[in-house]
Amino acid sequence: MALHEACGFRHAGTLQAVGFKHGHRHDVGFWQRLAAGGAEMAAGEILPVAAVWPEGAGA
Protein backbone atom coordinates (compact mmCIF):
# COMPACT_ATOMS: atom_id res chain seq x y z
CA MET A 1 0.00 0.00 0.00
CA ALA A 2 2.86 2.38 0.67
CA LEU A 3 4.01 1.94 -2.94
CA HIS A 4 0.59 2.98 -4.26
CA GLU A 5 0.51 6.03 -1.99
CA ALA A 6 4.06 6.98 -2.99
CA CYS A 7 2.94 6.91 -6.65
CA GLY A 8 0.05 9.29 -5.96
CA PHE A 9 -2.78 6.78 -5.61
CA ARG A 10 -5.36 7.03 -2.84
CA HIS A 11 -7.47 4.29 -1.33
CA ALA A 12 -10.94 4.44 -2.90
CA GLY A 13 -12.62 1.53 -1.16
CA THR A 14 -12.54 -2.08 -0.02
CA LEU A 15 -14.81 -4.98 -0.90
CA GLN A 16 -14.78 -7.41 2.00
CA ALA A 17 -14.32 -11.15 1.48
CA VAL A 18 -14.89 -11.09 -2.29
CA GLY A 19 -11.55 -12.61 -3.27
CA PHE A 20 -10.83 -16.32 -2.95
CA LYS A 21 -7.31 -17.73 -3.11
CA HIS A 22 -5.68 -20.82 -1.62
CA GLY A 23 -8.90 -21.78 0.14
CA HIS A 24 -9.37 -18.45 1.94
CA ARG A 25 -11.51 -15.36 1.41
CA HIS A 26 -9.68 -12.04 1.01
CA ASP A 27 -10.64 -8.38 0.94
CA VAL A 28 -10.03 -6.52 -2.33
CA GLY A 29 -8.91 -2.89 -2.22
CA PHE A 30 -9.44 -0.29 -4.93
CA TRP A 31 -6.94 2.50 -5.53
CA GLN A 32 -7.28 5.50 -7.82
CA ARG A 33 -5.24 8.39 -9.13
CA LEU A 34 -6.47 11.33 -11.16
CA ALA A 35 -5.31 11.42 -14.76
CA ALA A 36 -2.95 14.19 -15.88
CA GLY A 37 -4.96 17.40 -15.83
CA GLY A 38 -7.13 16.24 -12.96
CA ALA A 39 -10.71 17.37 -12.57
CA GLU A 40 -10.21 20.30 -14.96
CA MET A 41 -9.64 17.96 -17.90
CA ALA A 42 -12.55 17.80 -20.34
CA ALA A 43 -14.22 14.45 -20.88
CA GLY A 44 -13.30 12.71 -24.12
CA GLU A 45 -15.66 11.37 -26.73
CA ILE A 46 -17.54 8.24 -25.66
CA LEU A 47 -16.89 5.43 -28.13
CA PRO A 48 -18.49 2.01 -28.50
CA VAL A 49 -16.35 -0.92 -27.41
CA ALA A 50 -16.06 -2.16 -31.01
CA ALA A 51 -14.36 1.12 -32.00
CA VAL A 52 -11.50 0.64 -29.56
CA TRP A 53 -11.42 -3.17 -29.26
CA PRO A 54 -12.85 -4.74 -32.43
CA GLU A 55 -11.87 -8.34 -31.63
CA GLY A 56 -13.58 -8.16 -28.25
CA ALA A 57 -16.90 -6.79 -29.48
CA GLY A 58 -18.43 -10.19 -30.23
CA ALA A 59 -17.07 -12.00 -27.20
PDB file of N, CA and C in Angstrom:
ATOM      1  N   MET A   1       0.812  -1.190   0.000  1.00  0.00           N
ATOM      2  CA  MET A   1       0.000   0.000   0.000  1.00  0.00           C
ATOM      3  C   MET A   1       0.856   1.254   0.000  1.00  0.00           C
ATOM      4  N   ALA A   2       1.988   1.208   0.640  1.00  0.00           N
ATOM      5  CA  ALA A   2       2.859   2.376   0.668  1.00  0.00           C
ATOM      6  C   ALA A   2       3.357   2.714  -0.733  1.00  0.00           C
ATOM      7  N   LEU A   3       3.576   1.702  -1.557  1.00  0.00           N
ATOM      8  CA  LEU A   3       4.008   1.944  -2.937  1.00  0.00           C
ATOM      9  C   LEU A   3       2.935   2.709  -3.703  1.00  0.00           C
ATOM     10  N   HIS A   4       1.689   2.297  -3.566  1.00  0.00           N
ATOM     11  CA  HIS A   4       0.594   2.982  -4.259  1.00  0.00           C
ATOM     12  C   HIS A   4       0.504   4.442  -3.814  1.00  0.00           C
ATOM     13  N   GLU A   5       0.587   4.667  -2.515  1.00  0.00           N
ATOM     14  CA  GLU A   5       0.507   6.032  -1.994  1.00  0.00           C
ATOM     15  C   GLU A   5       1.685   6.864  -2.462  1.00  0.00           C
ATOM     16  N   ALA A   6       2.870   6.265  -2.526  1.00  0.00           N
ATOM     17  CA  ALA A   6       4.058   6.978  -2.989  1.00  0.00           C
ATOM     18  C   ALA A   6       3.941   7.372  -4.457  1.00  0.00           C
ATOM     19  N   CYS A   7       3.141   6.631  -5.218  1.00  0.00           N
ATOM     20  CA  CYS A   7       2.936   6.911  -6.646  1.00  0.00           C
ATOM     21  C   CYS A   7       1.731   7.822  -6.886  1.00  0.00           C
ATOM     22  N   GLY A   8       1.134   8.338  -5.824  1.00  0.00           N
ATOM     23  CA  GLY A   8       0.046   9.290  -5.957  1.00  0.00           C
ATOM     24  C   GLY A   8      -1.349   8.693  -5.944  1.00  0.00           C
ATOM     25  N   PHE A   9      -1.463   7.402  -5.682  1.00  0.00           N
ATOM     26  CA  PHE A   9      -2.780   6.779  -5.611  1.00  0.00           C
ATOM     27  C   PHE A   9      -3.368   6.978  -4.220  1.00  0.00           C
ATOM     28  N   ARG A  10      -4.708   6.973  -4.144  1.00  0.00           N
ATOM     29  CA  ARG A  10      -5.361   7.028  -2.842  1.00  0.00           C
ATOM     30  C   ARG A  10      -6.341   5.870  -2.753  1.00  0.00           C
ATOM     31  N   HIS A  11      -6.566   5.411  -1.554  1.00  0.00           N
ATOM     32  CA  HIS A  11      -7.472   4.295  -1.327  1.00  0.00           C
ATOM     33  C   HIS A  11      -8.890   4.759  -1.603  1.00  0.00           C
ATOM     34  N   ALA A  12      -9.592   4.047  -2.505  1.00  0.00           N
ATOM     35  CA  ALA A  12     -10.940   4.443  -2.899  1.00  0.00           C
ATOM     36  C   ALA A  12     -12.012   3.548  -2.295  1.00  0.00           C
ATOM     37  N   GLY A  13     -11.620   2.404  -1.766  1.00  0.00           N
ATOM     38  CA  GLY A  13     -12.618   1.535  -1.160  1.00  0.00           C
ATOM     39  C   GLY A  13     -12.126   0.106  -1.017  1.00  0.00           C
ATOM     40  N   THR A  14     -12.877  -0.677  -0.258  1.00  0.00           N
ATOM     41  CA  THR A  14     -12.543  -2.078  -0.023  1.00  0.00           C
ATOM     42  C   THR A  14     -13.813  -2.919  -0.107  1.00  0.00           C
ATOM     43  N   LEU A  15     -13.738  -4.004  -0.859  1.00  0.00           N
ATOM     44  CA  LEU A  15     -14.814  -4.985  -0.898  1.00  0.00           C
ATOM     45  C   LEU A  15     -14.385  -6.133   0.002  1.00  0.00           C
ATOM     46  N   GLN A  16     -15.172  -6.420   1.006  1.00  0.00           N
ATOM     47  CA  GLN A  16     -14.781  -7.413   1.996  1.00  0.00           C
ATOM     48  C   GLN A  16     -15.142  -8.824   1.567  1.00  0.00           C
ATOM     49  N   ALA A  17     -14.165  -9.703   1.699  1.00  0.00           N
ATOM     50  CA  ALA A  17     -14.318 -11.147   1.479  1.00  0.00           C
ATOM     51  C   ALA A  17     -14.844 -11.503   0.090  1.00  0.00           C
ATOM     52  N   VAL A  18     -14.447 -10.760  -0.941  1.00  0.00           N
ATOM     53  CA  VAL A  18     -14.889 -11.089  -2.293  1.00  0.00           C
ATOM     54  C   VAL A  18     -13.846 -11.883  -3.079  1.00  0.00           C
ATOM     55  N   GLY A  19     -12.596 -11.840  -2.626  1.00  0.00           N
ATOM     56  CA  GLY A  19     -11.551 -12.612  -3.274  1.00  0.00           C
ATOM     57  C   GLY A  19     -11.445 -13.994  -2.652  1.00  0.00           C
ATOM     58  N   PHE A  20     -11.008 -14.964  -3.457  1.00  0.00           N
ATOM     59  CA  PHE A  20     -10.834 -16.322  -2.948  1.00  0.00           C
ATOM     60  C   PHE A  20      -9.550 -16.879  -3.533  1.00  0.00           C
ATOM     61  N   LYS A  21      -8.606 -17.229  -2.664  1.00  0.00           N
ATOM     62  CA  LYS A  21      -7.307 -17.728  -3.114  1.00  0.00           C
ATOM     63  C   LYS A  21      -6.753 -18.679  -2.062  1.00  0.00           C
ATOM     64  N   HIS A  22      -6.271 -19.815  -2.507  1.00  0.00           N
ATOM     65  CA  HIS A  22      -5.676 -20.819  -1.619  1.00  0.00           C
ATOM     66  C   HIS A  22      -6.625 -21.218  -0.490  1.00  0.00           C
ATOM     67  N   GLY A  23      -7.922 -21.313  -0.829  1.00  0.00           N
ATOM     68  CA  GLY A  23      -8.904 -21.777   0.138  1.00  0.00           C
ATOM     69  C   GLY A  23      -9.358 -20.759   1.160  1.00  0.00           C
ATOM     70  N   HIS A  24      -9.000 -19.493   0.973  1.00  0.00           N
ATOM     71  CA  HIS A  24      -9.372 -18.453   1.940  1.00  0.00           C
ATOM     72  C   HIS A  24      -9.984 -17.253   1.225  1.00  0.00           C
ATOM     73  N   ARG A  25     -10.910 -16.601   1.902  1.00  0.00           N
ATOM     74  CA  ARG A  25     -11.506 -15.361   1.405  1.00  0.00           C
ATOM     75  C   ARG A  25     -10.577 -14.191   1.728  1.00  0.00           C
ATOM     76  N   HIS A  26     -10.529 -13.218   0.820  1.00  0.00           N
ATOM     77  CA  HIS A  26      -9.678 -12.042   1.006  1.00  0.00           C
ATOM     78  C   HIS A  26     -10.437 -10.777   0.632  1.00  0.00           C
ATOM     79  N   ASP A  27     -10.104  -9.686   1.300  1.00  0.00           N
ATOM     80  CA  ASP A  27     -10.641  -8.382   0.944  1.00  0.00           C
ATOM     81  C   ASP A  27      -9.926  -7.897  -0.320  1.00  0.00           C
ATOM     82  N   VAL A  28     -10.615  -7.093  -1.120  1.00  0.00           N
ATOM     83  CA  VAL A  28     -10.033  -6.520  -2.326  1.00  0.00           C
ATOM     84  C   VAL A  28     -10.119  -5.004  -2.202  1.00  0.00           C
ATOM     85  N   GLY A  29      -8.968  -4.345  -2.321  1.00  0.00           N
ATOM     86  CA  GLY A  29      -8.914  -2.890  -2.224  1.00  0.00           C
ATOM     87  C   GLY A  29      -8.866  -2.243  -3.587  1.00  0.00           C
ATOM     88  N   PHE A  30      -9.471  -1.071  -3.701  1.00  0.00           N
ATOM     89  CA  PHE A  30      -9.443  -0.294  -4.926  1.00  0.00           C
ATOM     90  C   PHE A  30      -8.653   0.985  -4.670  1.00  0.00           C
ATOM     91  N   TRP A  31      -7.780   1.320  -5.613  1.00  0.00           N
ATOM     92  CA  TRP A  31      -6.938   2.504  -5.533  1.00  0.00           C
ATOM     93  C   TRP A  31      -7.159   3.323  -6.779  1.00  0.00           C
ATOM     94  N   GLN A  32      -7.099   4.645  -6.649  1.00  0.00           N
ATOM     95  CA  GLN A  32      -7.283   5.500  -7.816  1.00  0.00           C
ATOM     96  C   GLN A  32      -6.323   6.672  -7.788  1.00  0.00           C
ATOM     97  N   ARG A  33      -6.077   7.200  -8.980  1.00  0.00           N
ATOM     98  CA  ARG A  33      -5.242   8.386  -9.129  1.00  0.00           C
ATOM     99  C   ARG A  33      -5.819   9.194 -10.279  1.00  0.00           C
ATOM    100  N   LEU A  34      -5.941  10.487 -10.094  1.00  0.00           N
ATOM    101  CA  LEU A  34      -6.472  11.330 -11.156  1.00  0.00           C
ATOM    102  C   LEU A  34      -5.527  11.319 -12.351  1.00  0.00           C
ATOM    103  N   ALA A  35      -6.100  11.340 -13.538  1.00  0.00           N
ATOM    104  CA  ALA A  35      -5.310  11.421 -14.762  1.00  0.00           C
ATOM    105  C   ALA A  35      -4.642  12.789 -14.830  1.00  0.00           C
ATOM    106  N   ALA A  36      -3.625  12.904 -15.679  1.00  0.00           N
ATOM    107  CA  ALA A  36      -2.950  14.186 -15.879  1.00  0.00           C
ATOM    108  C   ALA A  36      -3.996  15.231 -16.231  1.00  0.00           C
ATOM    109  N   GLY A  37      -3.969  16.363 -15.592  1.00  0.00           N
ATOM    110  CA  GLY A  37      -4.960  17.404 -15.828  1.00  0.00           C
ATOM    111  C   GLY A  37      -6.030  17.427 -14.753  1.00  0.00           C
ATOM    112  N   GLY A  38      -6.192  16.311 -14.068  1.00  0.00           N
ATOM    113  CA  GLY A  38      -7.128  16.236 -12.956  1.00  0.00           C
ATOM    114  C   GLY A  38      -8.554  16.542 -13.328  1.00  0.00           C
ATOM    115  N   ALA A  39      -9.283  17.122 -12.400  1.00  0.00           N
ATOM    116  CA  ALA A  39     -10.706  17.371 -12.569  1.00  0.00           C
ATOM    117  C   ALA A  39     -10.984  18.434 -13.642  1.00  0.00           C
ATOM    118  N   GLU A  40     -10.001  19.251 -13.973  1.00  0.00           N
ATOM    119  CA  GLU A  40     -10.210  20.304 -14.961  1.00  0.00           C
ATOM    120  C   GLU A  40     -10.217  19.750 -16.383  1.00  0.00           C
ATOM    121  N   MET A  41      -9.739  18.540 -16.570  1.00  0.00           N
ATOM    122  CA  MET A  41      -9.637  17.957 -17.897  1.00  0.00           C
ATOM    123  C   MET A  41     -11.028  17.658 -18.454  1.00  0.00           C
ATOM    124  N   ALA A  42     -11.259  18.050 -19.696  1.00  0.00           N
ATOM    125  CA  ALA A  42     -12.554  17.801 -20.341  1.00  0.00           C
ATOM    126  C   ALA A  42     -12.717  16.318 -20.643  1.00  0.00           C
ATOM    127  N   ALA A  43     -13.936  15.845 -20.564  1.00  0.00           N
ATOM    128  CA  ALA A  43     -14.216  14.446 -20.879  1.00  0.00           C
ATOM    129  C   ALA A  43     -14.028  14.214 -22.372  1.00  0.00           C
ATOM    130  N   GLY A  44     -13.499  13.056 -22.717  1.00  0.00           N
ATOM    131  CA  GLY A  44     -13.303  12.706 -24.117  1.00  0.00           C
ATOM    132  C   GLY A  44     -14.588  12.162 -24.732  1.00  0.00           C
ATOM    133  N   GLU A  45     -14.517  11.926 -26.018  1.00  0.00           N
ATOM    134  CA  GLU A  45     -15.664  11.366 -26.729  1.00  0.00           C
ATOM    135  C   GLU A  45     -15.923   9.936 -26.252  1.00  0.00           C
ATOM    136  N   ILE A  46     -17.175   9.586 -26.060  1.00  0.00           N
ATOM    137  CA  ILE A  46     -17.544   8.238 -25.655  1.00  0.00           C
ATOM    138  C   ILE A  46     -17.669   7.391 -26.910  1.00  0.00           C
ATOM    139  N   LEU A  47     -16.909   6.304 -26.965  1.00  0.00           N
ATOM    140  CA  LEU A  47     -16.890   5.430 -28.128  1.00  0.00           C
ATOM    141  C   LEU A  47     -17.453   4.066 -27.783  1.00  0.00           C
ATOM    142  N   PRO A  48     -18.059   3.383 -28.751  1.00  0.00           N
ATOM    143  CA  PRO A  48     -18.492   2.012 -28.500  1.00  0.00           C
ATOM    144  C   PRO A  48     -17.273   1.102 -28.358  1.00  0.00           C
ATOM    145  N   VAL A  49     -17.441   0.022 -27.633  1.00  0.00           N
ATOM    146  CA  VAL A  49     -16.345  -0.917 -27.406  1.00  0.00           C
ATOM    147  C   VAL A  49     -15.732  -1.369 -28.727  1.00  0.00           C
ATOM    148  N   ALA A  50     -16.555  -1.672 -29.719  1.00  0.00           N
ATOM    149  CA  ALA A  50     -16.064  -2.161 -31.008  1.00  0.00           C
ATOM    150  C   ALA A  50     -15.107  -1.173 -31.684  1.00  0.00           C
ATOM    151  N   ALA A  51     -15.231   0.116 -31.391  1.00  0.00           N
ATOM    152  CA  ALA A  51     -14.364   1.116 -31.998  1.00  0.00           C
ATOM    153  C   ALA A  51     -12.955   1.089 -31.416  1.00  0.00           C
ATOM    154  N   VAL A  52     -12.820   0.656 -30.203  1.00  0.00           N
ATOM    155  CA  VAL A  52     -11.501   0.640 -29.560  1.00  0.00           C
ATOM    156  C   VAL A  52     -10.962  -0.759 -29.339  1.00  0.00           C
ATOM    157  N   TRP A  53     -11.824  -1.774 -29.485  1.00  0.00           N
ATOM    158  CA  TRP A  53     -11.421  -3.166 -29.255  1.00  0.00           C
ATOM    159  C   TRP A  53     -12.243  -4.073 -30.151  1.00  0.00           C
ATOM    160  N   PRO A  54     -12.008  -4.016 -31.489  1.00  0.00           N
ATOM    161  CA  PRO A  54     -12.853  -4.738 -32.433  1.00  0.00           C
ATOM    162  C   PRO A  54     -12.936  -6.245 -32.194  1.00  0.00           C
ATOM    163  N   GLU A  55     -11.840  -6.889 -31.827  1.00  0.00           N
ATOM    164  CA  GLU A  55     -11.869  -8.338 -31.634  1.00  0.00           C
ATOM    165  C   GLU A  55     -12.632  -8.753 -30.390  1.00  0.00           C
ATOM    166  N   GLY A  56     -12.870  -7.836 -29.467  1.00  0.00           N
ATOM    167  CA  GLY A  56     -13.583  -8.162 -28.246  1.00  0.00           C
ATOM    168  C   GLY A  56     -15.072  -7.861 -28.308  1.00  0.00           C
ATOM    169  N   ALA A  57     -15.514  -7.229 -29.391  1.00  0.00           N
ATOM    170  CA  ALA A  57     -16.900  -6.793 -29.478  1.00  0.00           C
ATOM    171  C   ALA A  57     -17.885  -7.961 -29.510  1.00  0.00           C
ATOM    172  N   GLY A  58     -17.507  -9.070 -30.131  1.00  0.00           N
ATOM    173  CA  GLY A  58     -18.426 -10.190 -30.234  1.00  0.00           C
ATOM    174  C   GLY A  58     -18.286 -11.216 -29.132  1.00  0.00           C
ATOM    175  N   ALA A  59     -17.327 -11.005 -28.251  1.00  0.00           N
ATOM    176  CA  ALA A  59     -17.066 -12.001 -27.198  1.00  0.00           C
ATOM    177  C   ALA A  59     -18.029 -11.868 -26.050  1.00  0.00           C
TER     178      ALA A  59
END
